Amino acid sequence: MSAGSVNIGSESETMEFKKSTGEMKEAIISMAAILNKHGKGQLYFGVRNDGEVIGQDVGEDTLRNISRAVHEHIKPAIYPSITKKTFGGRDVVEVSFEGDRAPYTAYSIPRIRTSDEDHIMDQETYEDMLRQRQSISKAWETRLSRYTAADVDRDSFDLYMRRSRDAGRISFPETDPSEVLARLGLLEGGHLLNAGAAIFVDSDINELQMAKFASDRKLTFTDIRRYTGSILSLVEKAVEYLVDAMDWRVEFDGSPKRREIPEIPVEALREAVVNAFAHRSIESRQSVEISIYRSYLDITSHGSFPAGVTPETFIHENVAPVRRNPLLARVLYYSKDMEGFATGLKRIQGLCDDARVKVEYECGSYYFRVRFYRHCSGTQPGTQPGTQPGTQPGTKSKEEMIIDMIRSNDKVTREEISAALGISVRTTQRLINGMSDIAFVAEILRM
């Protein structure tokens, strides 16, 4: 070892060193082999196999490129922690990873760790691991959590019970969380199963990240928020955020009362948000993401779409549901937050078709995304013909709304218009004065 050098230890069954990201493929193979043997491990780029730190150039895209390689070449998907470290003035990259869905493959081949070497897994071991992974007893949602009924968020629980009783899907008389959760199959030995904790406990099991961006690119954001909590509480936060971010237009039906129309159906957004939480790979501990761009809204959940089918399969055909978390889905069915017949995407598409809103679905190797295109007219952002400057695309100016009200009810008064538009009588009169060149408006409103 040269003077001033740093040594961070030896390679082992859970530790691997690579001199640089030029050995990316070998690193990916070692990670999968370690996962198959121990379920977790660490890997360093910028370290020789004897543990001496030689450094690694860590540029702007280095961490992103490592993350992308892991997501593309290790299956099932894992979500490692990838950070820059410094030892003795030399930069390295530390990759900490774990997973409980063995067997894992790297470049479509399963391997297993022996000492500090990676060997191709024999067929018998691979098939045995696969059987264990597919066993319902191994499913994340059915394992015991550290939470008890005392940890249940009562607001979320009470909301769930009201919805379930209103839907007629829960009729038993119990109201105590311990008794209800036991009847729902979510409580065992005094502890909640993970599914119960995810739905009802204000914990870090679930995370929601939401952001608004200034354009259609993920560059400059104008707002960013992050929450943890129960699925039920986070769904409400997400829907509230989306509703607040959307443009709305106003229609009148002949009465002074106005009807507000969102640019995207709220029911479709809620369905997409609930599905994002319920069908995601919860054990990955990745966030549900809400991204609001100028021309569209994205709702993204982590976990690949079921193999052998596409979103269009569920929209246009009558197929059996494929549930990543069947227990969680069953519990949400009782409150009518989800339906149990693989109709979620069909409902989203139908609601958007009725509202003439374009919607797209993207199936990535480790995520699923629903994209709703914004603006009621279906056009891109910009001033539309007949729209007053300063109004949002897909909306009407207050002057246009006043004209619509007059056409619907020629007896309408300034006070009624003011109440409908949520503005003062003085402001209403100022707008009317500005439209005095429209003869019929001036005549009708001469009071």
Protein backbone atom coordinates (compact mmCIF):
# COMPACT_ATOMS: atom_id res chain seq x y z
CA MET A 1 0.00 0.00 0.00
CA SER A 2 1.43 3.40 -0.95
CA ALA A 3 1.87 6.23 1.56
CA GLY A 4 -1.33 8.16 2.18
CA SER A 5 -3.54 5.48 0.67
CA VAL A 6 -6.74 4.26 2.31
CA ASN A 7 -7.96 0.67 2.57
CA ILE A 8 -11.61 -0.01 3.41
CA GLY A 9 -11.43 -3.77 3.97
CA SER A 10 -11.81 -6.97 2.02
CA GLU A 11 -14.31 -8.37 -0.42
CA SER A 12 -16.70 -10.91 1.05
CA GLU A 13 -20.01 -12.63 0.36
CA THR A 14 -21.78 -9.29 0.91
CA MET A 15 -19.11 -6.80 -0.18
CA GLU A 16 -17.79 -6.19 -3.70
CA PHE A 17 -15.23 -3.70 -5.06
CA LYS A 18 -14.86 -2.43 -8.61
CA LYS A 19 -12.12 -0.15 -9.87
CA SER A 20 -14.53 2.01 -11.88
CA THR A 21 -17.92 2.11 -13.56
CA GLY A 22 -16.12 0.67 -16.58
CA GLU A 23 -16.79 -2.64 -14.82
CA MET A 24 -20.54 -1.98 -14.68
CA LYS A 25 -21.66 -5.34 -16.07
CA GLU A 26 -19.49 -7.27 -13.61
CA ALA A 27 -20.85 -5.10 -10.79
CA ILE A 28 -24.46 -5.79 -11.75
CA ILE A 29 -23.74 -9.53 -11.82
CA SER A 30 -22.17 -9.40 -8.34
CA MET A 31 -25.15 -7.49 -6.92
CA ALA A 32 -27.63 -10.11 -8.16
CA ALA A 33 -25.46 -12.94 -6.84
CA ILE A 34 -25.23 -11.31 -3.41
CA LEU A 35 -28.98 -10.71 -3.33
CA ASN A 36 -29.65 -14.37 -4.09
CA LYS A 37 -27.41 -15.51 -1.23
CA HIS A 38 -27.90 -12.88 1.47
CA GLY A 39 -30.67 -10.50 0.41
CA LYS A 40 -28.51 -7.39 0.84
CA GLY A 41 -25.00 -6.10 0.34
CA GLN A 42 -22.70 -3.24 -0.64
CA LEU A 43 -20.60 -2.44 -3.69
CA TYR A 44 -18.02 0.30 -4.24
CA PHE A 45 -16.82 1.82 -7.51
CA GLY A 46 -13.32 3.29 -7.21
CA VAL A 47 -11.81 0.56 -5.02
CA ARG A 48 -9.43 -2.22 -5.99
CA ASN A 49 -10.32 -5.80 -5.07
CA ASP A 50 -7.79 -5.68 -2.22
CA GLY A 51 -9.73 -2.78 -0.64
CA GLU A 52 -7.39 0.07 -1.59
CA VAL A 53 -9.24 3.22 -2.58
CA ILE A 54 -8.03 4.48 -5.98
CA GLY A 55 -10.90 6.86 -6.67
CA GLN A 56 -13.57 7.18 -9.32
CA ASP A 57 -14.52 10.20 -11.38
CA VAL A 58 -18.02 10.99 -10.13
CA GLY A 59 -19.57 13.27 -12.74
CA GLU A 60 -23.02 14.76 -13.00
CA ASP A 61 -24.53 11.63 -14.57
CA THR A 62 -22.51 8.94 -12.78
CA LEU A 63 -25.07 8.08 -10.10
CA ARG A 64 -27.92 8.27 -12.60
CA ASN A 65 -26.16 5.90 -15.00
CA ILE A 66 -25.56 3.36 -12.23
CA SER A 67 -29.22 3.55 -11.20
CA ARG A 68 -30.34 3.07 -14.79
CA ALA A 69 -28.08 0.04 -15.28
CA VAL A 70 -29.40 -1.58 -12.10
CA HIS A 71 -33.02 -1.03 -13.11
CA GLU A 72 -32.48 -2.32 -16.63
CA HIS A 73 -30.47 -5.44 -15.88
CA ILE A 74 -31.49 -6.81 -12.45
CA LYS A 75 -34.86 -8.55 -12.31
CA PRO A 76 -37.06 -8.36 -10.29
CA ALA A 77 -36.37 -4.65 -9.92
CA ILE A 78 -34.54 -3.34 -6.87
CA TYR A 79 -34.04 0.24 -5.71
CA PRO A 80 -30.54 0.70 -4.29
CA SER A 81 -29.13 3.64 -2.37
CA ILE A 82 -26.39 5.17 -4.54
CA THR A 83 -24.19 7.85 -2.96
CA LYS A 84 -20.87 9.59 -3.43
CA LYS A 85 -18.28 9.00 -0.67
CA THR A 86 -14.80 10.37 -0.10
CA PHE A 87 -11.90 8.44 1.46
CA GLY A 88 -8.51 10.08 1.83
CA GLY A 89 -9.47 12.80 -0.64
CA ARG A 90 -10.55 10.28 -3.29
CA ASP A 91 -14.17 10.02 -4.51
CA VAL A 92 -15.90 6.67 -4.75
CA VAL A 93 -19.49 5.54 -5.29
CA GLU A 94 -21.19 3.42 -2.63
CA VAL A 95 -24.12 1.25 -3.71
CA SER A 96 -26.18 -0.26 -0.88
CA PHE A 97 -28.83 -2.70 -2.02
CA GLU A 98 -31.34 -5.18 -0.65
CA GLY A 99 -34.30 -7.23 -1.78
CA ASP A 100 -36.47 -10.13 -0.66
CA ARG A 101 -37.76 -11.39 -4.02
CA ALA A 102 -35.04 -13.88 -4.91
CA PRO A 103 -34.17 -15.38 -7.31
CA TYR A 104 -32.71 -12.31 -9.02
CA THR A 105 -31.22 -12.39 -12.48
CA ALA A 106 -28.53 -10.19 -13.97
CA TYR A 107 -28.63 -9.96 -17.75
CA SER A 108 -31.26 -12.76 -17.62
CA ILE A 109 -28.95 -15.21 -15.78
CA PRO A 110 -29.31 -16.16 -12.09
CA ARG A 111 -26.08 -16.34 -10.08
CA ILE A 112 -25.22 -16.93 -6.46
CA ARG A 113 -22.38 -15.70 -4.26
CA THR A 114 -19.69 -18.04 -2.93
CA SER A 115 -16.95 -16.29 -0.95
CA ASP A 116 -16.11 -13.34 -3.22
CA GLU A 117 -17.04 -15.09 -6.49
CA ASP A 118 -20.26 -15.20 -8.51
CA HIS A 119 -21.36 -18.57 -9.88
CA ILE A 120 -24.24 -19.46 -12.18
CA MET A 121 -27.06 -20.87 -10.06
CA ASP A 122 -28.05 -24.48 -10.62
CA GLN A 123 -31.55 -25.18 -11.91
CA GLU A 124 -32.80 -26.90 -8.77
CA THR A 125 -31.84 -23.98 -6.52
CA TYR A 126 -33.37 -21.50 -8.95
CA GLU A 127 -36.69 -23.38 -9.11
CA ASP A 128 -36.81 -23.72 -5.32
CA MET A 129 -36.26 -19.97 -4.84
CA LEU A 130 -38.89 -19.25 -7.47
CA ARG A 131 -41.45 -21.41 -5.66
CA GLN A 132 -40.72 -19.58 -2.42
CA ARG A 133 -41.14 -16.20 -4.07
CA GLN A 134 -44.45 -17.19 -5.57
CA SER A 135 -45.77 -18.57 -2.31
CA ILE A 136 -48.42 -16.30 -0.80
CA SER A 137 -46.90 -16.90 2.63
CA LYS A 138 -43.83 -15.02 1.42
CA ALA A 139 -45.79 -12.04 0.11
CA TRP A 140 -44.83 -8.73 1.66
CA GLU A 141 -48.39 -7.69 2.43
CA THR A 142 -49.10 -10.79 4.54
CA ARG A 143 -46.06 -10.49 6.79
CA LEU A 144 -46.32 -9.09 10.30
CA SER A 145 -45.45 -5.44 10.71
CA ARG A 146 -44.14 -3.78 13.87
CA TYR A 147 -47.42 -1.90 14.27
CA THR A 148 -50.42 -2.74 16.43
CA ALA A 149 -54.05 -1.61 16.40
CA ALA A 150 -53.04 1.21 18.75
CA ASP A 151 -51.02 2.73 15.88
CA VAL A 152 -54.02 3.04 13.56
CA ASP A 153 -54.81 6.57 12.36
CA ARG A 154 -58.36 7.01 13.60
CA ASP A 155 -59.29 9.63 10.99
CA SER A 156 -58.34 7.23 8.18
CA PHE A 157 -60.03 4.32 9.93
CA ASP A 158 -63.28 6.22 10.53
CA LEU A 159 -63.32 7.43 6.92
CA TYR A 160 -62.83 3.85 5.73
CA MET A 161 -65.67 2.55 7.90
CA ARG A 162 -68.08 5.27 6.71
CA ARG A 163 -67.33 4.51 3.07
CA SER A 164 -67.59 0.76 3.58
CA ARG A 165 -70.94 1.00 5.34
CA ASP A 166 -72.28 3.53 2.81
CA ALA A 167 -71.26 1.13 0.03
CA GLY A 168 -73.07 -1.72 1.82
CA ARG A 169 -69.94 -3.88 1.77
CA ILE A 170 -69.37 -4.02 5.52
CA SER A 171 -72.35 -4.78 7.71
CA PHE A 172 -70.88 -6.23 10.89
CA PRO A 173 -71.52 -4.09 13.99
CA GLU A 174 -67.96 -3.83 15.37
CA THR A 175 -66.35 -0.37 15.39
CA ASP A 176 -63.25 -0.95 17.51
CA PRO A 177 -60.14 -1.03 15.27
CA SER A 178 -58.82 -4.25 16.84
CA GLU A 179 -62.05 -6.11 16.16
CA VAL A 180 -62.56 -4.68 12.68
CA LEU A 181 -58.98 -5.33 11.55
CA ALA A 182 -59.14 -8.87 12.87
CA ARG A 183 -62.34 -9.50 10.89
CA LEU A 184 -60.66 -8.07 7.79
CA GLY A 185 -57.76 -10.51 8.22
CA LEU A 186 -55.27 -7.73 8.91
CA LEU A 187 -54.38 -8.51 12.52
CA GLU A 188 -52.40 -11.46 13.81
CA GLY A 189 -50.99 -11.98 17.29
CA GLY A 190 -51.67 -8.38 18.21
CA HIS A 191 -49.74 -7.02 15.23
CA LEU A 192 -51.00 -5.64 11.94
CA LEU A 193 -50.01 -7.35 8.74
CA ASN A 194 -48.08 -5.09 6.40
CA ALA A 195 -51.21 -4.56 4.27
CA GLY A 196 -53.11 -3.25 7.29
CA ALA A 197 -50.26 -0.99 8.31
CA ALA A 198 -50.00 0.39 4.77
CA ILE A 199 -53.70 1.26 4.65
CA PHE A 200 -54.30 2.54 8.16
CA VAL A 201 -51.05 3.60 9.89
CA ASP A 202 -49.47 7.03 9.62
CA SER A 203 -45.97 5.67 8.94
CA ASP A 204 -43.20 5.82 6.36
CA ILE A 205 -44.40 2.65 4.60
CA ASN A 206 -46.02 4.87 2.00
CA GLU A 207 -44.51 8.00 0.51
CA LEU A 208 -46.06 10.57 -1.82
CA GLN A 209 -43.97 13.04 -3.81
CA MET A 210 -45.69 15.83 -5.74
CA ALA A 211 -44.27 18.61 -7.87
CA LYS A 212 -45.36 21.28 -10.32
CA PHE A 213 -43.05 22.18 -13.18
CA ALA A 214 -42.85 25.42 -15.12
CA SER A 215 -42.86 23.70 -18.52
CA ASP A 216 -43.23 20.22 -20.03
CA ARG A 217 -39.75 19.23 -18.93
CA LYS A 218 -38.50 18.17 -15.50
CA LEU A 219 -36.22 21.16 -15.12
CA THR A 220 -37.64 24.05 -13.11
CA PHE A 221 -40.25 23.26 -10.50
CA THR A 222 -42.56 25.83 -8.97
CA ASP A 223 -43.67 23.67 -6.06
CA ILE A 224 -42.55 20.40 -4.49
CA ARG A 225 -44.02 18.45 -1.59
CA ARG A 226 -43.33 15.14 0.13
CA TYR A 227 -45.58 13.27 2.56
CA THR A 228 -45.63 9.94 4.35
CA GLY A 229 -48.71 8.36 5.90
CA SER A 230 -51.51 5.87 5.41
CA ILE A 231 -52.70 5.07 1.91
CA LEU A 232 -56.11 6.54 2.68
CA SER A 233 -54.70 9.87 3.87
CA LEU A 234 -52.18 10.16 1.02
CA VAL A 235 -54.83 9.49 -1.62
CA GLU A 236 -56.80 12.46 -0.29
CA LYS A 237 -53.70 14.69 -0.30
CA ALA A 238 -52.87 13.68 -3.88
CA VAL A 239 -56.39 14.29 -5.20
CA GLU A 240 -56.58 17.64 -3.41
CA TYR A 241 -53.25 18.68 -4.97
CA LEU A 242 -54.39 17.65 -8.45
CA VAL A 243 -57.74 19.40 -8.13
CA ASP A 244 -56.03 22.59 -7.01
CA ALA A 245 -53.52 22.45 -9.90
CA MET A 246 -56.06 21.95 -12.68
CA ASP A 247 -57.80 24.56 -14.81
CA TRP A 248 -61.59 24.71 -14.47
CA ARG A 249 -64.23 26.17 -16.75
CA VAL A 250 -67.69 27.34 -15.83
CA GLU A 251 -70.99 26.39 -17.44
CA PHE A 252 -74.45 27.69 -16.67
CA ASP A 253 -77.66 25.72 -16.96
CA GLY A 254 -80.11 28.63 -17.02
CA SER A 255 -79.99 29.33 -13.28
CA PRO A 256 -77.70 31.76 -11.48
CA LYS A 257 -75.82 28.81 -10.07
CA ARG A 258 -72.64 27.99 -11.97
CA ARG A 259 -71.32 24.53 -12.80
CA GLU A 260 -67.55 24.10 -12.60
CA ILE A 261 -65.99 21.58 -15.00
CA PRO A 262 -62.40 20.32 -14.45
CA GLU A 263 -60.11 19.91 -17.43
CA ILE A 264 -59.61 16.27 -16.36
CA PRO A 265 -62.34 14.22 -14.60
CA VAL A 266 -61.60 14.11 -10.87
CA GLU A 267 -62.95 10.56 -10.67
CA ALA A 268 -60.39 9.41 -13.24
CA LEU A 269 -57.57 11.07 -11.31
CA ARG A 270 -58.68 9.47 -8.05
CA GLU A 271 -58.86 6.04 -9.70
CA ALA A 272 -55.32 6.44 -11.02
CA VAL A 273 -54.00 7.57 -7.63
CA VAL A 274 -55.64 4.70 -5.73
CA ASN A 275 -54.34 2.19 -8.27
CA ALA A 276 -50.86 3.69 -8.01
CA PHE A 277 -50.78 3.02 -4.28
CA ALA A 278 -52.56 -0.34 -4.34
CA HIS A 279 -50.71 -2.00 -7.24
CA ARG A 280 -47.20 -0.72 -6.61
CA SER A 281 -44.27 -2.77 -5.36
CA ILE A 282 -44.66 -1.56 -1.78
CA GLU A 283 -41.62 -3.42 -0.49
CA SER A 284 -39.43 -1.33 -2.79
CA ARG A 285 -40.19 1.66 -0.52
CA GLN A 286 -40.43 3.93 -3.56
CA SER A 287 -42.78 6.91 -3.69
CA VAL A 288 -45.94 7.36 -5.67
CA GLU A 289 -45.15 10.40 -7.79
CA ILE A 290 -47.48 13.16 -8.97
CA SER A 291 -45.87 15.40 -11.59
CA ILE A 292 -47.80 18.39 -12.93
CA TYR A 293 -46.51 19.86 -16.16
CA ARG A 294 -47.90 22.66 -18.29
CA SER A 295 -49.53 20.30 -20.82
CA TYR A 296 -50.13 17.10 -18.86
CA LEU A 297 -50.26 15.38 -15.45
CA ASP A 298 -48.35 12.20 -14.64
CA ILE A 299 -49.19 9.67 -11.91
CA THR A 300 -46.38 7.13 -11.50
CA SER A 301 -46.07 4.04 -9.33
CA HIS A 302 -43.12 1.67 -8.99
CA GLY A 303 -43.47 -1.93 -10.04
CA SER A 304 -43.67 -3.38 -13.52
CA PHE A 305 -46.99 -4.03 -15.29
CA PRO A 306 -48.14 -7.71 -15.30
CA ALA A 307 -46.27 -9.74 -17.88
CA GLY A 308 -48.15 -10.88 -20.97
CA VAL A 309 -50.81 -8.16 -20.89
CA THR A 310 -51.00 -4.46 -21.73
CA PRO A 311 -53.18 -1.62 -20.40
CA GLU A 312 -55.25 -1.95 -23.57
CA THR A 313 -55.98 -5.57 -22.63
CA PHE A 314 -57.79 -4.42 -19.49
CA ILE A 315 -59.49 -1.51 -21.27
CA HIS A 316 -60.90 -3.37 -24.28
CA GLU A 317 -61.22 -6.97 -23.09
CA ASN A 318 -62.88 -8.78 -20.20
CA VAL A 319 -59.95 -10.36 -18.40
CA ALA A 320 -59.34 -11.58 -14.88
CA PRO A 321 -57.56 -9.14 -12.55
CA VAL A 322 -53.83 -9.50 -11.91
CA ARG A 323 -53.19 -8.14 -8.42
CA ARG A 324 -49.74 -7.44 -7.03
CA ASN A 325 -51.23 -6.97 -3.54
CA PRO A 326 -54.47 -9.00 -3.42
CA LEU A 327 -55.10 -8.56 0.32
CA LEU A 328 -54.69 -4.81 0.11
CA ALA A 329 -56.95 -4.67 -2.95
CA ARG A 330 -59.62 -6.73 -1.19
CA VAL A 331 -59.69 -4.40 1.82
CA LEU A 332 -59.95 -1.31 -0.41
CA TYR A 333 -62.76 -2.99 -2.32
CA TYR A 334 -64.97 -2.89 0.80
CA SER A 335 -64.71 0.91 0.97
CA LYS A 336 -65.30 1.18 -2.79
CA ASP A 337 -61.89 2.81 -3.23
CA MET A 338 -61.17 -0.06 -5.62
CA GLU A 339 -63.28 -2.51 -7.55
CA GLY A 340 -62.34 -6.15 -7.75
CA PHE A 341 -62.94 -6.88 -11.41
CA ALA A 342 -59.94 -5.39 -13.25
CA THR A 343 -62.02 -2.38 -14.29
CA GLY A 344 -59.83 0.47 -13.03
CA LEU A 345 -58.19 1.29 -16.36
CA LYS A 346 -61.48 0.78 -18.16
CA ARG A 347 -63.11 3.39 -15.91
CA ILE A 348 -60.25 5.85 -16.34
CA GLN A 349 -60.42 5.51 -20.12
CA GLY A 350 -64.21 5.79 -20.20
CA LEU A 351 -64.30 8.91 -18.03
CA CYS A 352 -61.60 10.55 -20.15
CA ASP A 353 -63.29 9.57 -23.42
CA ASP A 354 -66.54 11.11 -22.21
CA ALA A 355 -64.70 14.32 -21.26
CA ARG A 356 -62.67 14.27 -24.50
CA VAL A 357 -59.43 14.11 -22.53
CA LYS A 358 -56.43 12.32 -23.99
CA VAL A 359 -54.87 9.72 -21.65
CA GLU A 360 -51.83 7.51 -22.20
CA TYR A 361 -50.26 4.59 -20.32
CA GLU A 362 -46.55 3.86 -20.08
CA CYS A 363 -45.19 0.51 -18.89
CA GLY A 364 -41.54 0.79 -17.90
CA SER A 365 -39.26 -1.96 -16.70
CA TYR A 366 -39.78 -0.88 -13.10
CA TYR A 367 -42.73 1.55 -13.16
CA PHE A 368 -46.22 2.21 -14.52
CA ARG A 369 -47.39 5.70 -15.46
CA VAL A 370 -50.73 7.23 -16.39
CA ARG A 371 -50.51 10.51 -18.28
CA PHE A 372 -53.51 12.84 -18.55
CA TYR A 373 -53.28 15.64 -21.11
CA ARG A 374 -54.44 19.00 -19.85
CA HIS A 375 -56.82 21.71 -21.10
CA CYS A 376 -60.45 21.10 -21.86
CA SER A 377 -60.17 22.09 -25.50
CA GLY A 378 -57.48 19.49 -26.12
CA THR A 379 -55.08 22.16 -27.40
CA GLN A 380 -51.62 22.96 -26.19
CA PRO A 381 -51.06 25.94 -23.90
CA GLY A 382 -51.52 29.34 -25.52
CA THR A 383 -54.23 31.90 -26.01
CA GLN A 384 -57.20 30.53 -27.93
CA PRO A 385 -59.30 32.54 -30.35
CA GLY A 386 -61.93 34.47 -28.40
CA THR A 387 -60.10 34.07 -25.10
CA GLN A 388 -59.26 37.25 -23.25
CA PRO A 389 -55.57 37.83 -22.47
CA GLY A 390 -54.62 36.43 -19.07
CA THR A 391 -57.16 33.62 -19.09
CA GLN A 392 -56.10 29.99 -18.95
CA PRO A 393 -56.51 27.79 -22.05
CA GLY A 394 -59.71 25.76 -21.86
CA THR A 395 -61.38 28.39 -19.62
CA LYS A 396 -63.66 31.33 -20.33
CA SER A 397 -63.15 34.96 -19.41
CA LYS A 398 -65.54 36.50 -16.91
CA GLU A 399 -67.00 38.57 -19.75
CA GLU A 400 -67.82 35.40 -21.67
CA MET A 401 -69.34 33.86 -18.54
CA ILE A 402 -71.56 36.91 -18.10
CA ILE A 403 -72.77 36.64 -21.68
CA ASP A 404 -73.50 32.91 -21.18
CA MET A 405 -75.57 33.69 -18.07
CA ILE A 406 -77.54 36.36 -19.90
CA ARG A 407 -78.25 34.06 -22.84
CA SER A 408 -79.45 31.38 -20.41
CA ASN A 409 -81.56 33.74 -18.30
CA ASP A 410 -82.38 37.23 -19.58
CA LYS A 411 -83.81 38.15 -16.16
CA VAL A 412 -80.53 37.63 -14.34
CA THR A 413 -79.41 40.54 -12.13
CA ARG A 414 -76.00 41.97 -11.39
CA GLU A 415 -76.22 40.63 -7.86
CA GLU A 416 -76.90 37.11 -9.13
CA ILE A 417 -74.00 37.34 -11.58
CA SER A 418 -71.71 38.56 -8.81
CA ALA A 419 -72.67 35.65 -6.57
CA ALA A 420 -72.21 33.11 -9.38
CA LEU A 421 -68.79 34.43 -10.38
CA GLY A 422 -67.58 35.03 -6.86
CA ILE A 423 -66.84 38.72 -7.49
CA SER A 424 -68.21 41.98 -6.14
CA VAL A 425 -71.17 43.85 -7.66
CA ARG A 426 -68.83 46.77 -8.40
CA THR A 427 -66.48 44.46 -10.35
CA THR A 428 -69.44 43.01 -12.21
CA GLN A 429 -70.59 46.49 -13.19
CA ARG A 430 -67.10 47.41 -14.37
CA LEU A 431 -67.02 44.31 -16.60
CA ILE A 432 -70.45 45.13 -17.97
CA ASN A 433 -69.41 48.70 -18.71
CA GLY A 434 -66.49 47.34 -20.67
CA MET A 435 -68.90 45.32 -22.81
CA SER A 436 -71.21 48.24 -23.58
CA ASP A 437 -70.57 47.83 -27.29
CA ILE A 438 -72.52 44.58 -27.12
CA ALA A 439 -75.99 46.03 -27.53
CA PHE A 440 -78.02 43.20 -26.10
CA VAL A 441 -75.90 43.09 -22.96
CA ALA A 442 -76.35 46.77 -22.32
CA GLU A 443 -80.10 46.52 -22.95
CA ILE A 444 -80.68 43.53 -20.71
CA LEU A 445 -78.61 44.89 -17.85
CA ARG A 446 -80.04 48.43 -17.91
CA MET A 447 -81.69 48.32 -14.45
